[in-house]
Amino acid sequence: MQGTSGFSSGRPFGRRRFIHGAASIGLGAAALAACGSDTDEATDDVTDATEGTDAPEGTDASATTDATEPATETASTDAAAVGASITSGLIGLTLNGLNDYTRGVVTGVYKAFEGTDFEVAAVQANYSAETELSNIENFLAQGAVGVVIQPNTAESAGAGAKAAFDKGVPVGNCIWPGPSDADEFFNGVAEIDSVEGGRIIGRYLLEQLPDGGKIVVVQGVVGQGFSERIDEGLDEVLEGSNLEIVVREQGFFDRVGAVEVVQNAFQANPDIVAIVDYAAAMSNGICQWMEDEGIEDVLHVTSDADAEMVTWFGTPYLAATRYYSSAQTGLIAGQAVLNALRGEPVEFRTVIAQELVTADNVEAVVAENPFFFDEYADKTENL
């Protein structure tokens, strides 16, 4: 992916340089915090993807997959099959919320449609399942020829995909935790093996904390399926060890909400030895809180990445991340929709590469598999 990057290679990371410069590329907004709404009535016909499902047999997205050539599986269904080739029209992109992670997703979707006559329009759902479904329905009412979903919940994303399917509109899913009954409504999904992601984090904790101790875990949004599956892998690895999760609460991908969870955990358990959170959007707030409080002897591990997060590497406040590229998820989902519109073969399942990243390898990993395509930074503003 020449000419793209998550940060400028060859320069030292400067956290305060990022804070002053972020506004110019639309990366400085904090995450919006809100709970998802109850959408049972709108989504009764779609089964929750996070219950009673297993990752595809033999799948290991932990490290062996080349991030630039993800593992793929050709679609076995004719979801929203497109007869004649379509070369222009509206592509609706709905994000589960707005933070630097989802801005990376936006750049990936725009890159997928680079050089075409399609018009991408992005909106965000403020972490509301009801709004997510409404966004998709609004795009369809506007005559969208394709839809890309960065899901809030499995149910709302599945219901929206079915609405598009019923109109013959192809749909791409930016991140899916595993197989579900809603898969028939999607043309292609970017799949992250979140159970393996939890294992990656757990193995690192065991390696770094041989003496054991207490851990606080900050989930994203319970109900999406991603946090629950990371929990599953983490619990599996830590079972029977001398590491104990004493607090596990959701932070809604919000830096302020995440800090509140951690503060409360430390008040009840001042001897906590590790903080684990499931998104860079939350990690950044936690790192700042740790610096403000002078906490330098607690291991902090996060998940994914954004421009601010990488600047915390090399400080005592961030040790590692379970890395995967948000831009890559948008690129994969967008490409699935584009191929369907062109009447070309569509890979249904593309497994996103993930690996443990520390200060030692972050620059090389991000250069190879960027979390943000800089050339589309302007598309992430005013969402």
Protein backbone atom coordinates (compact mmCIF):
# COMPACT_ATOMS: atom_id res chain seq x y z
CA MET A 1 0.00 0.00 0.00
CA GLN A 2 2.39 2.60 -1.24
CA GLY A 3 1.85 6.18 -0.30
CA THR A 4 -0.26 5.36 2.77
CA SER A 5 0.57 5.39 6.42
CA GLY A 6 -0.83 5.69 9.91
CA PHE A 7 1.99 8.00 10.90
CA SER A 8 5.10 9.37 9.28
CA SER A 9 7.85 6.79 9.31
CA GLY A 10 11.31 7.84 10.36
CA ARG A 11 10.26 10.53 12.84
CA PRO A 12 10.14 10.09 16.61
CA PHE A 13 6.62 9.84 17.95
CA GLY A 14 5.64 12.98 19.84
CA ARG A 15 2.41 12.80 21.83
CA ARG A 16 2.19 16.54 22.27
CA ARG A 17 3.08 17.02 18.60
CA PHE A 18 0.06 14.88 17.82
CA ILE A 19 -2.22 16.84 20.11
CA HIS A 20 -1.30 20.12 18.46
CA GLY A 21 -1.36 18.77 14.91
CA ALA A 22 -4.33 16.43 14.94
CA ALA A 23 -6.95 19.04 14.16
CA SER A 24 -5.44 19.66 10.75
CA ILE A 25 -6.17 16.12 9.62
CA GLY A 26 -9.42 15.57 11.46
CA LEU A 27 -8.09 13.10 14.02
CA GLY A 28 -8.54 14.94 17.27
CA ALA A 29 -12.15 14.35 18.29
CA ALA A 30 -12.83 12.23 21.32
CA ALA A 31 -15.13 9.27 21.07
CA LEU A 32 -18.85 9.85 21.50
CA ALA A 33 -20.29 7.82 24.35
CA ALA A 34 -23.78 6.42 24.22
CA CYS A 35 -25.48 3.08 24.84
CA GLY A 36 -27.14 1.15 22.07
CA SER A 37 -30.93 1.17 21.98
CA ASP A 38 -33.26 -1.77 22.14
CA THR A 39 -34.17 -2.79 18.60
CA ASP A 40 -35.82 -6.14 19.21
CA GLU A 41 -38.96 -5.28 17.25
CA ALA A 42 -37.00 -4.24 14.19
CA THR A 43 -34.65 -7.19 14.25
CA ASP A 44 -36.57 -10.24 15.42
CA ASP A 45 -35.81 -12.09 12.17
CA VAL A 46 -32.06 -11.84 12.56
CA THR A 47 -30.21 -14.14 14.95
CA ASP A 48 -27.53 -12.60 17.17
CA ALA A 49 -24.20 -13.43 15.61
CA THR A 50 -22.53 -13.64 18.97
CA GLU A 51 -24.54 -16.49 20.43
CA GLY A 52 -24.01 -20.13 19.62
CA THR A 53 -21.37 -19.47 16.98
CA ASP A 54 -17.77 -20.52 16.65
CA ALA A 55 -14.93 -19.08 14.66
CA PRO A 56 -14.43 -20.90 11.34
CA GLU A 57 -12.66 -24.17 11.87
CA GLY A 58 -8.94 -23.85 11.33
CA THR A 59 -8.99 -20.06 11.39
CA ASP A 60 -6.06 -18.39 13.12
CA ALA A 61 -5.83 -14.74 12.31
CA SER A 62 -3.15 -14.10 14.89
CA ALA A 63 -0.03 -13.57 12.84
CA THR A 64 0.52 -15.80 9.85
CA THR A 65 -1.83 -13.92 7.56
CA ASP A 66 -0.13 -11.25 5.46
CA ALA A 67 -2.03 -8.06 6.26
CA THR A 68 -1.77 -6.94 2.66
CA GLU A 69 -3.10 -10.26 1.35
CA PRO A 70 -5.75 -11.36 3.87
CA ALA A 71 -7.11 -14.89 4.01
CA THR A 72 -10.31 -15.09 2.00
CA GLU A 73 -13.22 -17.41 1.39
CA THR A 74 -15.31 -17.21 -1.75
CA ALA A 75 -18.99 -16.53 -1.14
CA SER A 76 -21.18 -19.60 -1.39
CA THR A 77 -24.40 -17.59 -1.45
CA ASP A 78 -25.92 -15.13 -3.89
CA ALA A 79 -26.60 -12.39 -1.38
CA ALA A 80 -27.91 -9.26 -3.08
CA ALA A 81 -26.71 -10.61 -6.41
CA VAL A 82 -26.22 -7.91 -9.00
CA GLY A 83 -27.23 -8.73 -12.55
CA ALA A 84 -25.83 -5.97 -14.77
CA SER A 85 -22.69 -4.07 -13.90
CA ILE A 86 -23.32 -0.79 -12.04
CA THR A 87 -20.63 1.86 -12.39
CA SER A 88 -21.96 4.86 -10.45
CA GLY A 89 -24.31 5.82 -7.64
CA LEU A 90 -24.48 6.42 -3.90
CA ILE A 91 -22.58 4.18 -1.50
CA GLY A 92 -23.91 4.57 2.04
CA LEU A 93 -21.45 4.02 4.90
CA THR A 94 -22.77 3.87 8.46
CA LEU A 95 -20.32 3.88 11.39
CA ASN A 96 -21.23 2.63 14.86
CA GLY A 97 -19.91 5.84 16.36
CA LEU A 98 -17.28 8.51 15.83
CA ASN A 99 -13.71 8.20 17.02
CA ASP A 100 -10.28 7.86 15.44
CA TYR A 101 -10.81 4.13 14.84
CA THR A 102 -13.94 4.70 12.78
CA ARG A 103 -12.24 7.53 10.93
CA GLY A 104 -9.70 4.93 9.83
CA VAL A 105 -12.57 2.78 8.57
CA VAL A 106 -13.81 5.72 6.52
CA THR A 107 -10.45 6.12 4.78
CA GLY A 108 -10.46 2.41 3.89
CA VAL A 109 -13.90 2.59 2.31
CA TYR A 110 -12.95 5.64 0.26
CA LYS A 111 -9.81 3.87 -0.89
CA ALA A 112 -11.89 0.90 -2.07
CA PHE A 113 -13.85 3.20 -4.39
CA GLU A 114 -10.79 5.17 -5.51
CA GLY A 115 -10.89 6.06 -9.19
CA THR A 116 -14.57 5.11 -9.65
CA ASP A 117 -17.68 7.19 -10.28
CA PHE A 118 -19.34 6.09 -7.05
CA GLU A 119 -20.10 8.67 -4.36
CA VAL A 120 -19.44 7.58 -0.78
CA ALA A 121 -21.48 9.23 1.98
CA ALA A 122 -20.68 8.47 5.62
CA VAL A 123 -22.79 8.93 8.74
CA GLN A 124 -22.40 7.67 12.30
CA ALA A 125 -24.88 6.06 14.68
CA ASN A 126 -23.64 7.43 18.02
CA TYR A 127 -23.45 3.85 19.32
CA SER A 128 -27.20 3.38 18.94
CA ALA A 129 -28.51 0.20 17.31
CA GLU A 130 -31.75 1.97 16.45
CA THR A 131 -29.89 4.81 14.71
CA GLU A 132 -27.72 2.34 12.83
CA LEU A 133 -30.76 0.62 11.34
CA SER A 134 -32.33 4.01 10.58
CA ASN A 135 -29.14 5.14 8.80
CA ILE A 136 -29.25 2.11 6.52
CA GLU A 137 -32.94 2.54 5.78
CA ASN A 138 -32.34 6.21 4.96
CA PHE A 139 -29.58 5.33 2.51
CA LEU A 140 -31.85 2.83 0.79
CA ALA A 141 -34.62 5.43 0.59
CA GLN A 142 -32.13 7.75 -1.12
CA GLY A 143 -31.47 5.12 -3.76
CA ALA A 144 -28.10 3.87 -2.57
CA VAL A 145 -26.65 1.21 -4.86
CA GLY A 146 -24.40 -0.18 -2.13
CA VAL A 147 -24.15 -0.15 1.66
CA VAL A 148 -21.14 -0.58 3.94
CA ILE A 149 -21.77 -1.21 7.64
CA GLN A 150 -19.36 -0.79 10.55
CA PRO A 151 -21.67 -2.56 13.01
CA ASN A 152 -23.05 -1.33 16.27
CA THR A 153 -24.82 -4.59 17.16
CA ALA A 154 -25.14 -7.84 15.29
CA GLU A 155 -28.93 -7.53 15.29
CA SER A 156 -29.17 -4.00 13.89
CA ALA A 157 -26.46 -4.60 11.30
CA GLY A 158 -28.12 -7.84 10.25
CA ALA A 159 -31.54 -6.22 10.01
CA GLY A 160 -30.11 -3.40 7.91
CA ALA A 161 -28.33 -5.86 5.66
CA LYS A 162 -31.58 -7.78 5.16
CA ALA A 163 -33.37 -4.55 4.18
CA ALA A 164 -30.69 -3.93 1.56
CA PHE A 165 -30.75 -7.56 0.44
CA ASP A 166 -34.50 -7.33 -0.14
CA LYS A 167 -33.85 -4.41 -2.52
CA GLY A 168 -31.02 -6.16 -4.33
CA VAL A 169 -28.42 -3.78 -2.87
CA PRO A 170 -25.02 -5.34 -2.05
CA VAL A 171 -23.70 -4.96 1.50
CA GLY A 172 -20.23 -5.11 3.02
CA ASN A 173 -19.56 -5.58 6.73
CA CYS A 174 -16.47 -3.84 8.09
CA ILE A 175 -15.99 -6.18 11.02
CA TRP A 176 -17.84 -9.35 11.94
CA PRO A 177 -16.97 -11.51 14.95
CA GLY A 178 -17.96 -14.81 13.33
CA PRO A 179 -20.59 -16.72 11.33
CA SER A 180 -24.28 -15.99 11.92
CA ASP A 181 -27.70 -16.48 10.38
CA ALA A 182 -27.41 -12.95 8.96
CA ASP A 183 -24.46 -13.87 6.76
CA GLU A 184 -26.74 -14.58 3.80
CA PHE A 185 -27.56 -10.87 3.62
CA PHE A 186 -23.94 -9.74 3.29
CA ASN A 187 -21.86 -9.96 0.13
CA GLY A 188 -18.58 -9.74 2.01
CA VAL A 189 -17.35 -9.37 5.59
CA ALA A 190 -14.06 -8.35 7.15
CA GLU A 191 -13.76 -10.87 9.94
CA ILE A 192 -11.66 -10.43 13.05
CA ASP A 193 -11.08 -13.47 15.20
CA SER A 194 -11.75 -11.73 18.49
CA VAL A 195 -11.38 -14.91 20.53
CA GLU A 196 -7.83 -15.23 19.24
CA GLY A 197 -7.37 -11.53 19.97
CA GLY A 198 -8.21 -12.23 23.60
CA ARG A 199 -5.73 -15.08 23.62
CA ILE A 200 -3.01 -12.79 22.26
CA ILE A 201 -3.61 -10.36 25.10
CA GLY A 202 -3.78 -13.13 27.70
CA ARG A 203 -0.52 -14.75 26.63
CA TYR A 204 1.25 -11.40 26.85
CA LEU A 205 -0.11 -10.81 30.36
CA LEU A 206 1.13 -14.21 31.53
CA GLU A 207 4.53 -13.54 30.04
CA GLN A 208 4.90 -10.09 31.57
CA LEU A 209 3.33 -10.79 34.97
CA PRO A 210 4.71 -14.10 36.25
CA ASP A 211 3.93 -13.13 39.84
CA GLY A 212 0.25 -12.71 39.04
CA GLY A 213 -2.11 -10.12 40.46
CA LYS A 214 -5.34 -8.26 39.82
CA ILE A 215 -6.52 -6.97 36.43
CA VAL A 216 -9.17 -4.46 35.36
CA VAL A 217 -10.72 -5.02 31.92
CA VAL A 218 -12.49 -2.22 30.05
CA GLN A 219 -14.77 -3.61 27.34
CA GLY A 220 -16.12 -1.67 24.38
CA VAL A 221 -19.90 -2.03 24.03
CA VAL A 222 -21.43 -5.24 25.34
CA GLY A 223 -23.90 -6.56 22.77
CA GLN A 224 -21.74 -6.01 19.71
CA GLY A 225 -20.15 -9.42 20.16
CA PHE A 226 -16.56 -8.24 19.85
CA SER A 227 -15.94 -7.56 23.54
CA GLU A 228 -17.61 -10.78 24.57
CA ARG A 229 -15.42 -12.82 22.25
CA ILE A 230 -12.24 -11.06 23.37
CA ASP A 231 -13.37 -11.89 26.91
CA GLU A 232 -13.73 -15.52 25.88
CA GLY A 233 -10.18 -15.80 24.58
CA LEU A 234 -8.72 -13.85 27.49
CA ASP A 235 -10.52 -15.96 30.09
CA GLU A 236 -9.45 -19.15 28.34
CA VAL A 237 -5.76 -18.25 28.58
CA LEU A 238 -5.91 -16.90 32.14
CA GLU A 239 -7.91 -19.81 33.53
CA GLY A 240 -6.00 -21.53 36.32
CA SER A 241 -3.33 -18.82 36.43
CA ASN A 242 -2.46 -16.45 39.27
CA LEU A 243 -3.89 -13.49 37.35
CA GLU A 244 -7.41 -12.47 38.37
CA ILE A 245 -9.84 -10.14 36.59
CA VAL A 246 -11.43 -8.24 39.48
CA VAL A 247 -13.33 -5.66 37.43
CA ARG A 248 -14.78 -6.01 33.94
CA GLU A 249 -17.01 -3.20 32.66
CA GLN A 250 -17.81 -1.52 29.37
CA GLY A 251 -16.38 1.88 28.52
CA PHE A 252 -18.45 2.51 25.36
CA PHE A 253 -15.33 3.34 23.32
CA ASP A 254 -15.14 6.63 25.19
CA ARG A 255 -11.95 7.87 26.82
CA VAL A 256 -13.79 9.54 29.68
CA GLY A 257 -16.00 6.53 30.33
CA ALA A 258 -12.99 4.21 30.24
CA VAL A 259 -11.13 6.34 32.79
CA GLU A 260 -14.14 6.21 35.10
CA VAL A 261 -14.10 2.41 34.98
CA VAL A 262 -10.39 2.31 35.79
CA GLN A 263 -10.61 4.93 38.55
CA ASN A 264 -13.40 3.03 40.28
CA ALA A 265 -11.49 -0.22 39.92
CA PHE A 266 -8.39 1.26 41.59
CA GLN A 267 -10.44 2.72 44.41
CA ALA A 268 -11.75 -0.76 45.21
CA ASN A 269 -8.51 -2.58 44.32
CA PRO A 270 -5.47 -0.32 44.77
CA ASP A 271 -3.14 -3.27 44.15
CA ILE A 272 -4.18 -3.77 40.49
CA VAL A 273 -1.18 -4.79 38.38
CA ALA A 274 -2.62 -4.53 34.86
CA ILE A 275 -5.16 -2.58 32.84
CA VAL A 276 -6.62 -4.13 29.68
CA ASP A 277 -8.90 -2.18 27.38
CA TYR A 278 -10.39 -3.14 24.06
CA ALA A 279 -9.90 -0.01 21.95
CA ALA A 280 -7.31 2.69 21.39
CA ALA A 281 -10.07 5.28 21.71
CA MET A 282 -10.33 4.29 25.37
CA SER A 283 -6.64 3.58 25.84
CA ASN A 284 -5.66 7.17 25.10
CA GLY A 285 -7.73 8.47 28.00
CA ILE A 286 -6.36 5.80 30.30
CA CYS A 287 -2.76 6.63 29.34
CA GLN A 288 -3.37 10.30 30.07
CA TRP A 289 -4.95 9.44 33.42
CA MET A 290 -1.99 7.20 34.34
CA GLU A 291 0.44 10.01 33.51
CA ASP A 292 -1.58 12.53 35.51
CA GLU A 293 -1.70 10.18 38.49
CA GLY A 294 1.97 9.20 38.22
CA ILE A 295 1.13 5.51 37.76
CA GLU A 296 4.16 3.93 36.09
CA ASP A 297 4.25 0.40 37.52
CA VAL A 298 0.97 -0.94 36.08
CA LEU A 299 1.00 -2.87 32.80
CA HIS A 300 -1.39 -1.38 30.23
CA VAL A 301 -2.48 -3.33 27.13
CA THR A 302 -4.98 -2.15 24.54
CA SER A 303 -6.45 -3.23 21.19
CA ASP A 304 -6.34 -1.79 17.62
CA ALA A 305 -4.60 1.58 17.06
CA ASP A 306 -4.99 5.24 16.19
CA ALA A 307 -2.67 8.20 15.69
CA GLU A 308 -2.65 9.28 19.33
CA MET A 309 -2.19 5.78 20.67
CA VAL A 310 1.11 5.14 18.88
CA THR A 311 2.59 8.23 20.53
CA TRP A 312 2.14 6.62 23.96
CA PHE A 313 4.54 3.82 23.07
CA GLY A 314 7.90 4.39 24.70
CA THR A 315 6.24 5.76 27.84
CA PRO A 316 5.46 3.83 31.04
CA TYR A 317 1.76 4.18 30.30
CA LEU A 318 1.32 1.77 27.36
CA ALA A 319 3.06 -1.58 26.93
CA ALA A 320 1.33 -3.27 24.00
CA THR A 321 -1.65 -3.49 21.70
CA ARG A 322 -3.37 -6.35 19.94
CA TYR A 323 -3.03 -4.64 16.59
CA TYR A 324 -5.19 -4.78 13.51
CA SER A 325 -5.96 -2.08 10.97
CA SER A 326 -9.32 -0.31 11.00
CA ALA A 327 -8.56 1.08 7.53
CA GLN A 328 -8.08 -2.46 6.26
CA THR A 329 -11.56 -3.44 7.50
CA GLY A 330 -13.16 -0.60 5.53
CA LEU A 331 -11.11 -1.40 2.44
CA ILE A 332 -12.19 -5.05 2.50
CA ALA A 333 -15.90 -4.32 3.02
CA GLY A 334 -15.88 -1.61 0.38
CA GLN A 335 -14.11 -3.82 -2.13
CA ALA A 336 -16.72 -6.54 -1.61
CA VAL A 337 -19.50 -4.08 -2.48
CA LEU A 338 -17.58 -2.74 -5.47
CA ASN A 339 -16.95 -6.21 -6.88
CA ALA A 340 -20.61 -7.10 -6.46
CA LEU A 341 -21.68 -3.94 -8.28
CA ARG A 342 -19.31 -4.76 -11.12
CA GLY A 343 -20.64 -8.30 -11.33
CA GLU A 344 -17.24 -9.67 -10.36
CA PRO A 345 -16.50 -12.55 -7.94
CA VAL A 346 -16.82 -11.55 -4.31
CA GLU A 347 -14.85 -13.07 -1.45
CA PHE A 348 -17.38 -13.51 1.33
CA ARG A 349 -15.03 -13.84 4.29
CA THR A 350 -11.69 -12.05 4.57
CA VAL A 351 -9.85 -12.59 7.84
CA ILE A 352 -8.10 -9.52 9.23
CA ALA A 353 -4.50 -9.99 10.32
CA GLN A 354 -3.77 -9.26 13.97
CA GLU A 355 -0.66 -9.43 16.10
CA LEU A 356 0.90 -8.18 19.31
CA VAL A 357 2.62 -4.83 18.83
CA THR A 358 4.93 -3.02 21.24
CA ALA A 359 7.23 -0.02 21.01
CA ASP A 360 9.82 -2.31 19.41
CA ASN A 361 7.83 -3.13 16.27
CA VAL A 362 5.00 -0.60 16.00
CA GLU A 363 6.61 1.51 13.28
CA ALA A 364 7.33 -1.45 11.00
CA VAL A 365 3.92 -3.04 11.50
CA VAL A 366 1.96 0.14 10.85
CA ALA A 367 4.07 1.01 7.80
CA GLU A 368 3.17 -2.40 6.35
CA ASN A 369 -0.49 -2.30 7.36
CA PRO A 370 -1.60 1.30 8.10
CA PHE A 371 -4.61 2.06 10.26
CA PHE A 372 -5.34 5.27 8.36
CA PHE A 373 -4.96 6.24 4.68
CA ASP A 374 -3.68 9.80 4.89
CA GLU A 375 -4.84 10.78 1.42
CA TYR A 376 -8.46 10.52 2.58
CA ALA A 377 -8.05 12.46 5.83
CA ASP A 378 -10.36 15.21 4.58
CA LYS A 379 -13.18 12.67 4.22
CA THR A 380 -13.10 12.07 7.97
CA GLU A 381 -14.00 15.64 8.86
CA ASN A 382 -17.52 16.87 9.66
CA LEU A 383 -19.00 13.39 10.12
